[in-house]
Amino acid sequence: MNIERYGCLMAIAFIFAIFLLMVGPVQWWKHYQSWSHLSKDKLIASANWYIENRAPRNDACIFAVECKDGRARLKLIKSINEWDFEASKQTTWDRKFKNICQGQTANFALEVAADNTESQKVYEGSRRAVWSFYNDRFIPAHTRFSFAAFSEIEADPCLTNYAVTTRAKSNDSP
């Protein structure tokens, strides 16, 4: 095989490898981008979008994964300002790549506040949502075609005074 042909084949193989990494069936790059750009503000914005579109006139709380006795569970974020977001984000990374904190539990989730009378009108499949690194937003935990785990261990209930959505904030103002 001559050197020009070998060089051309190597260039094509290199381009093909880059293509597979960027748009391959796993699309790991998109998942990594979602994880790397994730912030408290992005989670809150997504929670607001979800409530506007899935459960209008309601409030929602955010939950984050924590490890307890080696298993994953969701913890209600009672104070968004005191939440160590970077620790929660690192836990999601470690669950994926270091095989710790196992379990069928979402990394980040939201739930419609149960103490609002409007919450009784929300379709059951929309009451809970999980963060999707593929979609880069919250998606319903239950749909007609799929199920995403919320938490193996029962989490604290979402109440309006722990909600992070805009409606909850506007209720506090005069």
N, C-alpha and C. Protein backbone atom coordinates (compact mmCIF):
# COMPACT_ATOMS: atom_id res chain seq x y z
N MET A 1 0.86 -1.17 0.00
CA MET A 1 0.00 0.00 0.00
C MET A 1 0.90 1.23 0.00
N ASN A 2 0.62 2.16 -0.89
CA ASN A 2 1.47 3.33 -0.95
C ASN A 2 1.11 4.32 0.17
N ILE A 3 2.01 5.22 0.42
CA ILE A 3 1.90 6.14 1.56
C ILE A 3 0.72 7.11 1.43
N GLU A 4 0.43 7.55 0.18
CA GLU A 4 -0.69 8.49 -0.01
C GLU A 4 -2.02 7.83 0.30
N ARG A 5 -2.16 6.60 -0.13
CA ARG A 5 -3.40 5.87 0.13
C ARG A 5 -3.56 5.62 1.63
N TYR A 6 -2.49 5.25 2.29
CA TYR A 6 -2.51 5.01 3.73
C TYR A 6 -2.89 6.29 4.48
N GLY A 7 -2.32 7.40 4.10
CA GLY A 7 -2.63 8.69 4.73
C GLY A 7 -4.09 9.08 4.53
N CYS A 8 -4.60 8.84 3.33
CA CYS A 8 -6.00 9.15 3.02
C CYS A 8 -6.94 8.28 3.87
N LEU A 9 -6.63 6.99 3.98
CA LEU A 9 -7.45 6.10 4.80
C LEU A 9 -7.42 6.51 6.28
N MET A 10 -6.27 6.91 6.76
CA MET A 10 -6.15 7.35 8.15
C MET A 10 -6.97 8.63 8.39
N ALA A 11 -6.93 9.55 7.44
CA ALA A 11 -7.71 10.79 7.56
C ALA A 11 -9.20 10.48 7.58
N ILE A 12 -9.64 9.59 6.72
CA ILE A 12 -11.06 9.21 6.69
C ILE A 12 -11.45 8.53 8.00
N ALA A 13 -10.60 7.64 8.50
CA ALA A 13 -10.88 6.94 9.77
C ALA A 13 -10.96 7.95 10.92
N PHE A 14 -10.08 8.92 10.93
CA PHE A 14 -10.08 9.94 11.98
C PHE A 14 -11.38 10.76 11.93
N ILE A 15 -11.77 11.20 10.75
CA ILE A 15 -13.01 11.98 10.59
C ILE A 15 -14.21 11.14 11.00
N PHE A 16 -14.22 9.88 10.62
CA PHE A 16 -15.32 8.99 10.99
C PHE A 16 -15.39 8.79 12.51
N ALA A 17 -14.24 8.65 13.15
CA ALA A 17 -14.20 8.49 14.61
C ALA A 17 -14.75 9.74 15.30
N ILE A 18 -14.36 10.91 14.84
CA ILE A 18 -14.89 12.16 15.39
C ILE A 18 -16.41 12.22 15.20
N PHE A 19 -16.87 11.85 14.01
CA PHE A 19 -18.30 11.84 13.72
C PHE A 19 -19.04 10.92 14.69
N LEU A 20 -18.54 9.71 14.92
CA LEU A 20 -19.20 8.79 15.84
C LEU A 20 -19.24 9.33 17.27
N LEU A 21 -18.17 10.00 17.67
CA LEU A 21 -18.16 10.57 19.02
C LEU A 21 -19.19 11.69 19.18
N MET A 22 -19.37 12.48 18.14
CA MET A 22 -20.29 13.62 18.22
C MET A 22 -21.75 13.22 18.04
N VAL A 23 -22.05 12.32 17.14
CA VAL A 23 -23.44 11.99 16.84
C VAL A 23 -23.71 10.49 16.92
N GLY A 24 -22.89 9.78 17.64
CA GLY A 24 -23.06 8.34 17.76
C GLY A 24 -24.35 7.98 18.48
N PRO A 25 -24.68 6.71 18.52
CA PRO A 25 -25.95 6.30 19.09
C PRO A 25 -26.11 6.65 20.57
N VAL A 26 -25.03 6.74 21.31
CA VAL A 26 -25.13 7.07 22.73
C VAL A 26 -25.24 8.58 22.94
N GLN A 27 -24.68 9.35 22.02
CA GLN A 27 -24.65 10.80 22.11
C GLN A 27 -24.14 11.27 23.48
N TRP A 28 -23.06 10.67 23.90
CA TRP A 28 -22.51 11.00 25.21
C TRP A 28 -22.11 12.46 25.29
N TRP A 29 -21.72 13.06 24.17
CA TRP A 29 -21.29 14.45 24.20
C TRP A 29 -22.43 15.36 24.63
N LYS A 30 -23.62 15.11 24.12
CA LYS A 30 -24.79 15.91 24.49
C LYS A 30 -25.08 15.76 25.99
N HIS A 31 -24.96 14.57 26.50
CA HIS A 31 -25.17 14.33 27.93
C HIS A 31 -24.12 15.08 28.75
N TYR A 32 -22.86 15.03 28.30
CA TYR A 32 -21.80 15.72 29.02
C TYR A 32 -22.02 17.23 28.99
N GLN A 33 -22.42 17.76 27.84
CA GLN A 33 -22.69 19.20 27.73
C GLN A 33 -23.80 19.61 28.71
N SER A 34 -24.84 18.81 28.77
CA SER A 34 -25.94 19.10 29.70
C SER A 34 -25.43 19.10 31.14
N TRP A 35 -24.65 18.09 31.48
CA TRP A 35 -24.12 18.01 32.85
C TRP A 35 -23.18 19.17 33.15
N SER A 36 -22.28 19.48 32.23
CA SER A 36 -21.28 20.51 32.49
C SER A 36 -21.87 21.91 32.60
N HIS A 37 -22.98 22.17 31.91
CA HIS A 37 -23.61 23.49 31.95
C HIS A 37 -24.75 23.58 32.96
N LEU A 38 -24.98 22.50 33.68
CA LEU A 38 -26.08 22.48 34.65
C LEU A 38 -25.79 23.41 35.81
N SER A 39 -26.80 24.16 36.23
CA SER A 39 -26.68 25.09 37.35
C SER A 39 -28.01 25.15 38.10
N LYS A 40 -27.98 25.76 39.26
CA LYS A 40 -29.22 25.96 40.02
C LYS A 40 -30.21 26.76 39.18
N ASP A 41 -29.73 27.82 38.56
CA ASP A 41 -30.60 28.67 37.75
C ASP A 41 -31.24 27.89 36.60
N LYS A 42 -30.48 27.01 35.98
CA LYS A 42 -31.02 26.22 34.87
C LYS A 42 -32.09 25.25 35.37
N LEU A 43 -31.86 24.64 36.53
CA LEU A 43 -32.86 23.74 37.10
C LEU A 43 -34.14 24.50 37.44
N ILE A 44 -34.00 25.68 38.03
CA ILE A 44 -35.17 26.48 38.40
C ILE A 44 -35.92 26.93 37.14
N ALA A 45 -35.20 27.37 36.12
CA ALA A 45 -35.84 27.78 34.88
C ALA A 45 -36.60 26.62 34.25
N SER A 46 -36.00 25.43 34.28
CA SER A 46 -36.67 24.26 33.72
C SER A 46 -37.89 23.89 34.57
N ALA A 47 -37.78 24.03 35.88
CA ALA A 47 -38.93 23.76 36.75
C ALA A 47 -40.07 24.72 36.44
N ASN A 48 -39.76 25.99 36.24
CA ASN A 48 -40.78 26.97 35.88
C ASN A 48 -41.44 26.62 34.54
N TRP A 49 -40.62 26.25 33.55
CA TRP A 49 -41.15 25.85 32.25
C TRP A 49 -42.07 24.64 32.40
N TYR A 50 -41.62 23.67 33.18
CA TYR A 50 -42.41 22.44 33.36
C TYR A 50 -43.76 22.76 34.00
N ILE A 51 -43.76 23.57 35.04
CA ILE A 51 -45.01 23.92 35.72
C ILE A 51 -45.93 24.70 34.78
N GLU A 52 -45.40 25.66 34.06
CA GLU A 52 -46.23 26.42 33.11
C GLU A 52 -46.90 25.52 32.09
N ASN A 53 -46.19 24.48 31.64
CA ASN A 53 -46.70 23.63 30.57
C ASN A 53 -47.41 22.36 31.04
N ARG A 54 -47.13 21.89 32.23
CA ARG A 54 -47.70 20.62 32.69
C ARG A 54 -48.64 20.76 33.88
N ALA A 55 -48.44 21.80 34.70
CA ALA A 55 -49.24 21.94 35.92
C ALA A 55 -49.46 23.41 36.25
N PRO A 56 -50.14 24.13 35.36
CA PRO A 56 -50.34 25.57 35.59
C PRO A 56 -51.00 25.85 36.95
N ARG A 57 -50.68 27.03 37.49
CA ARG A 57 -51.19 27.50 38.78
C ARG A 57 -50.74 26.63 39.95
N ASN A 58 -49.61 25.98 39.80
CA ASN A 58 -49.04 25.16 40.86
C ASN A 58 -47.63 25.62 41.17
N ASP A 59 -47.07 25.02 42.18
CA ASP A 59 -45.68 25.25 42.57
C ASP A 59 -44.96 23.91 42.52
N ALA A 60 -43.63 23.96 42.51
CA ALA A 60 -42.85 22.72 42.47
C ALA A 60 -41.60 22.85 43.32
N CYS A 61 -41.21 21.73 43.86
CA CYS A 61 -39.97 21.62 44.64
C CYS A 61 -38.94 20.85 43.82
N ILE A 62 -37.69 21.11 44.10
CA ILE A 62 -36.60 20.38 43.46
C ILE A 62 -36.00 19.41 44.47
N PHE A 63 -35.64 18.25 43.97
CA PHE A 63 -34.99 17.21 44.75
C PHE A 63 -33.64 16.91 44.11
N ALA A 64 -32.68 16.50 44.92
CA ALA A 64 -31.37 16.10 44.42
C ALA A 64 -30.98 14.76 45.03
N VAL A 65 -30.22 14.00 44.28
CA VAL A 65 -29.80 12.69 44.75
C VAL A 65 -28.80 12.84 45.89
N GLU A 66 -28.89 11.95 46.85
CA GLU A 66 -27.90 11.84 47.91
C GLU A 66 -27.68 10.37 48.19
N CYS A 67 -26.52 10.06 48.74
CA CYS A 67 -26.21 8.68 49.08
C CYS A 67 -26.49 8.46 50.56
N LYS A 68 -27.21 7.41 50.83
CA LYS A 68 -27.48 7.04 52.21
C LYS A 68 -27.28 5.54 52.31
N ASP A 69 -26.32 5.13 53.11
CA ASP A 69 -25.99 3.72 53.27
C ASP A 69 -25.68 3.04 51.94
N GLY A 70 -25.00 3.79 51.05
CA GLY A 70 -24.57 3.24 49.78
C GLY A 70 -25.64 3.20 48.70
N ARG A 71 -26.85 3.64 49.00
CA ARG A 71 -27.94 3.64 48.01
C ARG A 71 -28.36 5.07 47.70
N ALA A 72 -28.88 5.25 46.51
CA ALA A 72 -29.34 6.57 46.08
C ALA A 72 -30.75 6.83 46.60
N ARG A 73 -30.99 8.08 46.98
CA ARG A 73 -32.34 8.52 47.34
C ARG A 73 -32.43 10.00 47.03
N LEU A 74 -33.64 10.49 46.90
CA LEU A 74 -33.83 11.91 46.63
C LEU A 74 -34.04 12.67 47.93
N LYS A 75 -33.40 13.82 48.00
CA LYS A 75 -33.53 14.70 49.16
C LYS A 75 -34.20 15.98 48.70
N LEU A 76 -35.24 16.39 49.42
CA LEU A 76 -35.93 17.63 49.14
C LEU A 76 -35.00 18.81 49.42
N ILE A 77 -34.88 19.71 48.47
CA ILE A 77 -34.07 20.91 48.67
C ILE A 77 -34.97 21.94 49.34
N LYS A 78 -34.74 22.14 50.63
CA LYS A 78 -35.60 23.03 51.41
C LYS A 78 -35.15 24.49 51.31
N SER A 79 -33.88 24.71 51.03
CA SER A 79 -33.36 26.06 50.85
C SER A 79 -32.42 26.06 49.65
N ILE A 80 -32.84 26.69 48.59
CA ILE A 80 -32.04 26.72 47.37
C ILE A 80 -30.72 27.45 47.60
N ASN A 81 -30.71 28.44 48.48
CA ASN A 81 -29.49 29.21 48.75
C ASN A 81 -28.47 28.40 49.56
N GLU A 82 -28.93 27.53 50.43
CA GLU A 82 -28.02 26.74 51.27
C GLU A 82 -27.62 25.42 50.63
N TRP A 83 -28.22 25.08 49.51
CA TRP A 83 -27.96 23.82 48.83
C TRP A 83 -26.56 23.82 48.22
N ASP A 84 -25.78 22.79 48.53
CA ASP A 84 -24.46 22.61 47.94
C ASP A 84 -24.65 21.93 46.58
N PHE A 85 -24.96 22.73 45.59
CA PHE A 85 -25.27 22.22 44.26
C PHE A 85 -24.10 21.46 43.66
N GLU A 86 -22.89 21.98 43.83
CA GLU A 86 -21.72 21.32 43.23
C GLU A 86 -21.51 19.92 43.80
N ALA A 87 -21.82 19.71 45.06
CA ALA A 87 -21.73 18.37 45.65
C ALA A 87 -22.76 17.44 45.02
N SER A 88 -23.97 17.93 44.80
CA SER A 88 -25.00 17.12 44.15
C SER A 88 -24.61 16.79 42.72
N LYS A 89 -24.06 17.76 42.04
CA LYS A 89 -23.62 17.55 40.66
C LYS A 89 -22.49 16.51 40.60
N GLN A 90 -21.57 16.58 41.56
CA GLN A 90 -20.48 15.61 41.60
C GLN A 90 -21.01 14.21 41.89
N THR A 91 -22.02 14.11 42.73
CA THR A 91 -22.63 12.81 43.03
C THR A 91 -23.20 12.19 41.76
N THR A 92 -23.83 13.01 40.90
CA THR A 92 -24.37 12.46 39.65
C THR A 92 -23.24 11.91 38.77
N TRP A 93 -22.13 12.62 38.74
CA TRP A 93 -20.97 12.17 37.95
C TRP A 93 -20.43 10.86 38.52
N ASP A 94 -20.26 10.82 39.85
CA ASP A 94 -19.72 9.63 40.49
C ASP A 94 -20.64 8.42 40.33
N ARG A 95 -21.95 8.65 40.35
CA ARG A 95 -22.88 7.54 40.14
C ARG A 95 -22.68 6.92 38.78
N LYS A 96 -22.45 7.76 37.79
CA LYS A 96 -22.30 7.28 36.41
C LYS A 96 -20.94 6.63 36.16
N PHE A 97 -19.88 7.26 36.65
CA PHE A 97 -18.55 6.84 36.26
C PHE A 97 -17.73 6.15 37.34
N LYS A 98 -18.15 6.23 38.59
CA LYS A 98 -17.39 5.58 39.66
C LYS A 98 -18.20 4.49 40.35
N ASN A 99 -19.41 4.24 39.81
CA ASN A 99 -20.24 3.13 40.28
C ASN A 99 -20.56 3.21 41.77
N ILE A 100 -20.80 4.42 42.27
CA ILE A 100 -21.19 4.57 43.66
C ILE A 100 -22.66 4.96 43.74
N CYS A 101 -23.23 4.79 44.90
CA CYS A 101 -24.58 5.29 45.17
C CYS A 101 -25.58 4.71 44.17
N GLN A 102 -25.62 3.40 44.09
CA GLN A 102 -26.46 2.74 43.10
C GLN A 102 -27.94 2.83 43.46
N GLY A 103 -28.76 2.62 42.48
CA GLY A 103 -30.20 2.59 42.69
C GLY A 103 -30.94 3.19 41.52
N GLN A 104 -32.18 2.84 41.41
CA GLN A 104 -33.06 3.37 40.37
C GLN A 104 -33.69 4.66 40.87
N THR A 105 -32.89 5.68 41.00
CA THR A 105 -33.32 6.98 41.52
C THR A 105 -32.79 8.06 40.59
N ALA A 106 -33.62 9.06 40.34
CA ALA A 106 -33.21 10.18 39.50
C ALA A 106 -32.09 10.97 40.17
N ASN A 107 -31.31 11.67 39.38
CA ASN A 107 -30.27 12.54 39.94
C ASN A 107 -30.86 13.86 40.42
N PHE A 108 -31.75 14.43 39.63
CA PHE A 108 -32.48 15.64 40.00
C PHE A 108 -33.93 15.41 39.61
N ALA A 109 -34.84 15.91 40.42
CA ALA A 109 -36.26 15.69 40.13
C ALA A 109 -37.06 16.87 40.66
N LEU A 110 -38.30 16.93 40.24
CA LEU A 110 -39.22 17.92 40.79
C LEU A 110 -40.55 17.25 41.06
N GLU A 111 -41.29 17.88 41.96
CA GLU A 111 -42.62 17.39 42.30
C GLU A 111 -43.53 18.58 42.51
N VAL A 112 -44.78 18.45 42.08
CA VAL A 112 -45.78 19.49 42.28
C VAL A 112 -46.12 19.54 43.77
N ALA A 113 -46.22 20.76 44.30
CA ALA A 113 -46.55 20.93 45.72
C ALA A 113 -47.91 20.32 46.02
N ALA A 114 -47.97 19.49 47.05
CA ALA A 114 -49.19 18.75 47.37
C ALA A 114 -50.21 19.57 48.15
N ASP A 115 -49.80 20.67 48.75
CA ASP A 115 -50.71 21.43 49.62
C ASP A 115 -51.46 22.54 48.89
N ASN A 116 -51.37 22.59 47.59
CA ASN A 116 -52.08 23.58 46.78
C ASN A 116 -53.36 22.91 46.25
N THR A 117 -54.51 23.57 46.36
CA THR A 117 -55.76 22.97 45.89
C THR A 117 -55.73 22.70 44.39
N GLU A 118 -54.97 23.48 43.63
CA GLU A 118 -54.85 23.27 42.19
C GLU A 118 -54.10 21.97 41.87
N SER A 119 -53.28 21.49 42.81
CA SER A 119 -52.49 20.28 42.55
C SER A 119 -53.38 19.05 42.38
N GLN A 120 -54.58 19.09 42.93
CA GLN A 120 -55.49 17.95 42.78
C GLN A 120 -55.97 17.80 41.33
N LYS A 121 -55.85 18.87 40.54
CA LYS A 121 -56.30 18.86 39.15
C LYS A 121 -55.19 18.43 38.17
N VAL A 122 -53.99 18.22 38.68
CA VAL A 122 -52.85 17.87 37.83
C VAL A 122 -52.91 16.39 37.47
N TYR A 123 -52.74 16.12 36.18
CA TYR A 123 -52.68 14.74 35.71
C TYR A 123 -51.60 13.99 36.48
N GLU A 124 -51.93 12.81 36.96
CA GLU A 124 -51.02 12.04 37.82
C GLU A 124 -49.64 11.84 37.19
N GLY A 125 -49.58 11.64 35.88
CA GLY A 125 -48.30 11.43 35.20
C GLY A 125 -47.42 12.67 35.16
N SER A 126 -47.98 13.82 35.45
CA SER A 126 -47.22 15.08 35.44
C SER A 126 -46.84 15.57 36.82
N ARG A 127 -47.26 14.89 37.86
CA ARG A 127 -47.00 15.35 39.23
C ARG A 127 -45.51 15.30 39.57
N ARG A 128 -44.81 14.38 38.98
CA ARG A 128 -43.37 14.24 39.23
C ARG A 128 -42.62 14.26 37.90
N ALA A 129 -41.44 14.85 37.94
CA ALA A 129 -40.58 14.90 36.75
C ALA A 129 -39.15 14.61 37.15
N VAL A 130 -38.38 14.15 36.19
CA VAL A 130 -36.96 13.85 36.43
C VAL A 130 -36.13 14.65 35.43
N TRP A 131 -34.90 14.97 35.82
CA TRP A 131 -34.01 15.69 34.92
C TRP A 131 -33.48 14.72 33.88
N SER A 132 -33.58 15.11 32.63
CA SER A 132 -33.08 14.31 31.53
C SER A 132 -31.85 15.01 30.95
N PHE A 133 -30.69 14.38 31.06
CA PHE A 133 -29.49 14.95 30.47
C PHE A 133 -29.56 14.88 28.94
N TYR A 134 -30.35 13.97 28.42
CA TYR A 134 -30.54 13.88 26.97
C TYR A 134 -31.38 15.06 26.47
N ASN A 135 -32.47 15.37 27.17
CA ASN A 135 -33.36 16.47 26.76
C ASN A 135 -32.95 17.81 27.35
N ASP A 136 -32.06 17.79 28.32
CA ASP A 136 -31.55 19.00 28.96
C ASP A 136 -32.68 19.79 29.65
N ARG A 137 -33.60 19.07 30.27
CA ARG A 137 -34.72 19.68 31.00
C ARG A 137 -35.44 18.59 31.79
N PHE A 138 -36.42 19.03 32.58
CA PHE A 138 -37.26 18.07 33.30
C PHE A 138 -38.26 17.45 32.34
N ILE A 139 -38.47 16.15 32.49
CA ILE A 139 -39.47 15.43 31.71
C ILE A 139 -40.35 14.66 32.69
N PRO A 140 -41.60 14.38 32.33
CA PRO A 140 -42.47 13.64 33.25
C PRO A 140 -41.87 12.29 33.62
N ALA A 141 -42.05 11.92 34.88
CA ALA A 141 -41.55 10.62 35.33
C ALA A 141 -42.40 9.49 34.74
N HIS A 142 -43.66 9.76 34.46
CA HIS A 142 -44.55 8.77 33.87
C HIS A 142 -45.15 9.33 32.59
N THR A 143 -45.07 8.55 31.54
CA THR A 143 -45.78 8.89 30.31
C THR A 143 -46.49 7.63 29.84
N ARG A 144 -47.22 7.75 28.78
CA ARG A 144 -47.92 6.57 28.25
C ARG A 144 -46.94 5.51 27.79
N PHE A 145 -45.75 5.93 27.37
CA PHE A 145 -44.82 4.99 26.75
C PHE A 145 -43.59 4.66 27.59
N SER A 146 -43.39 5.39 28.68
CA SER A 146 -42.16 5.12 29.44
C SER A 146 -42.34 5.47 30.91
N PHE A 147 -41.37 5.03 31.69
CA PHE A 147 -41.33 5.31 33.12
C PHE A 147 -39.90 5.63 33.49
N ALA A 148 -39.70 6.73 34.21
CA ALA A 148 -38.38 7.08 34.72
C ALA A 148 -38.46 7.06 36.24
N ALA A 149 -37.50 6.44 36.86
CA ALA A 149 -37.52 6.30 38.31
C ALA A 149 -37.42 7.65 39.00
N PHE A 150 -38.23 7.86 40.00
CA PHE A 150 -38.16 9.07 40.82
C PHE A 150 -37.22 8.76 41.99
N SER A 151 -37.63 7.93 42.91
CA SER A 151 -36.77 7.54 44.03
C SER A 151 -37.22 6.18 44.56
N GLU A 152 -36.25 5.32 44.86
CA GLU A 152 -36.56 4.02 45.44
C GLU A 152 -37.10 4.18 46.86
N ILE A 153 -36.54 5.14 47.58
CA ILE A 153 -36.93 5.40 48.96
C ILE A 153 -37.83 6.63 48.96
N GLU A 154 -38.92 6.57 49.68
CA GLU A 154 -39.87 7.69 49.70
C GLU A 154 -39.17 8.97 50.14
N ALA A 155 -39.40 10.03 49.40
CA ALA A 155 -38.80 11.33 49.69
C ALA A 155 -39.77 12.17 50.51
N ASP A 156 -39.25 13.22 51.15
CA ASP A 156 -40.11 14.16 51.87
C ASP A 156 -41.12 14.76 50.90
N PRO A 157 -42.31 15.09 51.39
CA PRO A 157 -43.32 15.67 50.48
C PRO A 157 -42.97 17.11 50.10
N CYS A 158 -43.36 17.48 48.90
CA CYS A 158 -43.17 18.85 48.43
C CYS A 158 -44.31 19.70 48.96
N LEU A 159 -43.97 20.74 49.69
CA LEU A 159 -44.94 21.71 50.20
C LEU A 159 -44.61 23.07 49.62
N THR A 160 -45.61 23.92 49.50
CA THR A 160 -45.44 25.23 48.86
C THR A 160 -44.31 26.05 49.47
N ASN A 161 -44.11 25.97 50.78
CA ASN A 161 -43.06 26.79 51.39
C ASN A 161 -41.64 26.33 51.01
N TYR A 162 -41.49 25.18 50.36
CA TYR A 162 -40.18 24.72 49.87
C TYR A 162 -40.07 24.88 48.35
N ALA A 163 -41.12 25.36 47.71
CA ALA A 163 -41.14 25.45 46.25
C ALA A 163 -40.14 26.47 45.73
N VAL A 164 -39.64 26.22 44.53
CA VAL A 164 -38.64 27.09 43.91
C VAL A 164 -39.19 27.79 42.67
N THR A 165 -40.39 27.50 42.28
CA THR A 165 -40.96 28.05 41.06
C THR A 165 -41.39 29.51 41.27
N THR A 166 -41.55 30.20 40.16
CA THR A 166 -41.86 31.64 40.18
C THR A 166 -43.16 31.94 40.90
N ARG A 167 -44.17 31.11 40.71
CA ARG A 167 -45.45 31.34 41.35
C ARG A 167 -45.29 31.35 42.86
N ALA A 168 -44.46 30.44 43.38
CA ALA A 168 -44.24 30.39 44.82
C ALA A 168 -43.57 31.69 45.30
N LYS A 169 -42.63 32.20 44.52
CA LYS A 169 -41.94 33.44 44.89
C LYS A 169 -42.88 34.63 44.83
N SER A 170 -43.76 34.66 43.81
CA SER A 170 -44.67 35.80 43.68
C SER A 170 -45.75 35.80 44.77
N ASN A 171 -46.04 34.64 45.35
CA ASN A 171 -47.00 34.58 46.45
C ASN A 171 -46.44 35.22 47.71
N ASP A 172 -45.13 35.25 47.85
CA ASP A 172 -44.50 35.82 49.03
C ASP A 172 -44.52 37.35 49.01
N SER A 173 -44.60 37.93 47.83
CA SER A 173 -44.54 39.38 47.74
C SER A 173 -45.92 39.99 47.97
N PRO A 174 -45.99 41.24 48.49
CA PRO A 174 -47.27 41.84 48.78
C PRO A 174 -48.04 42.22 47.55
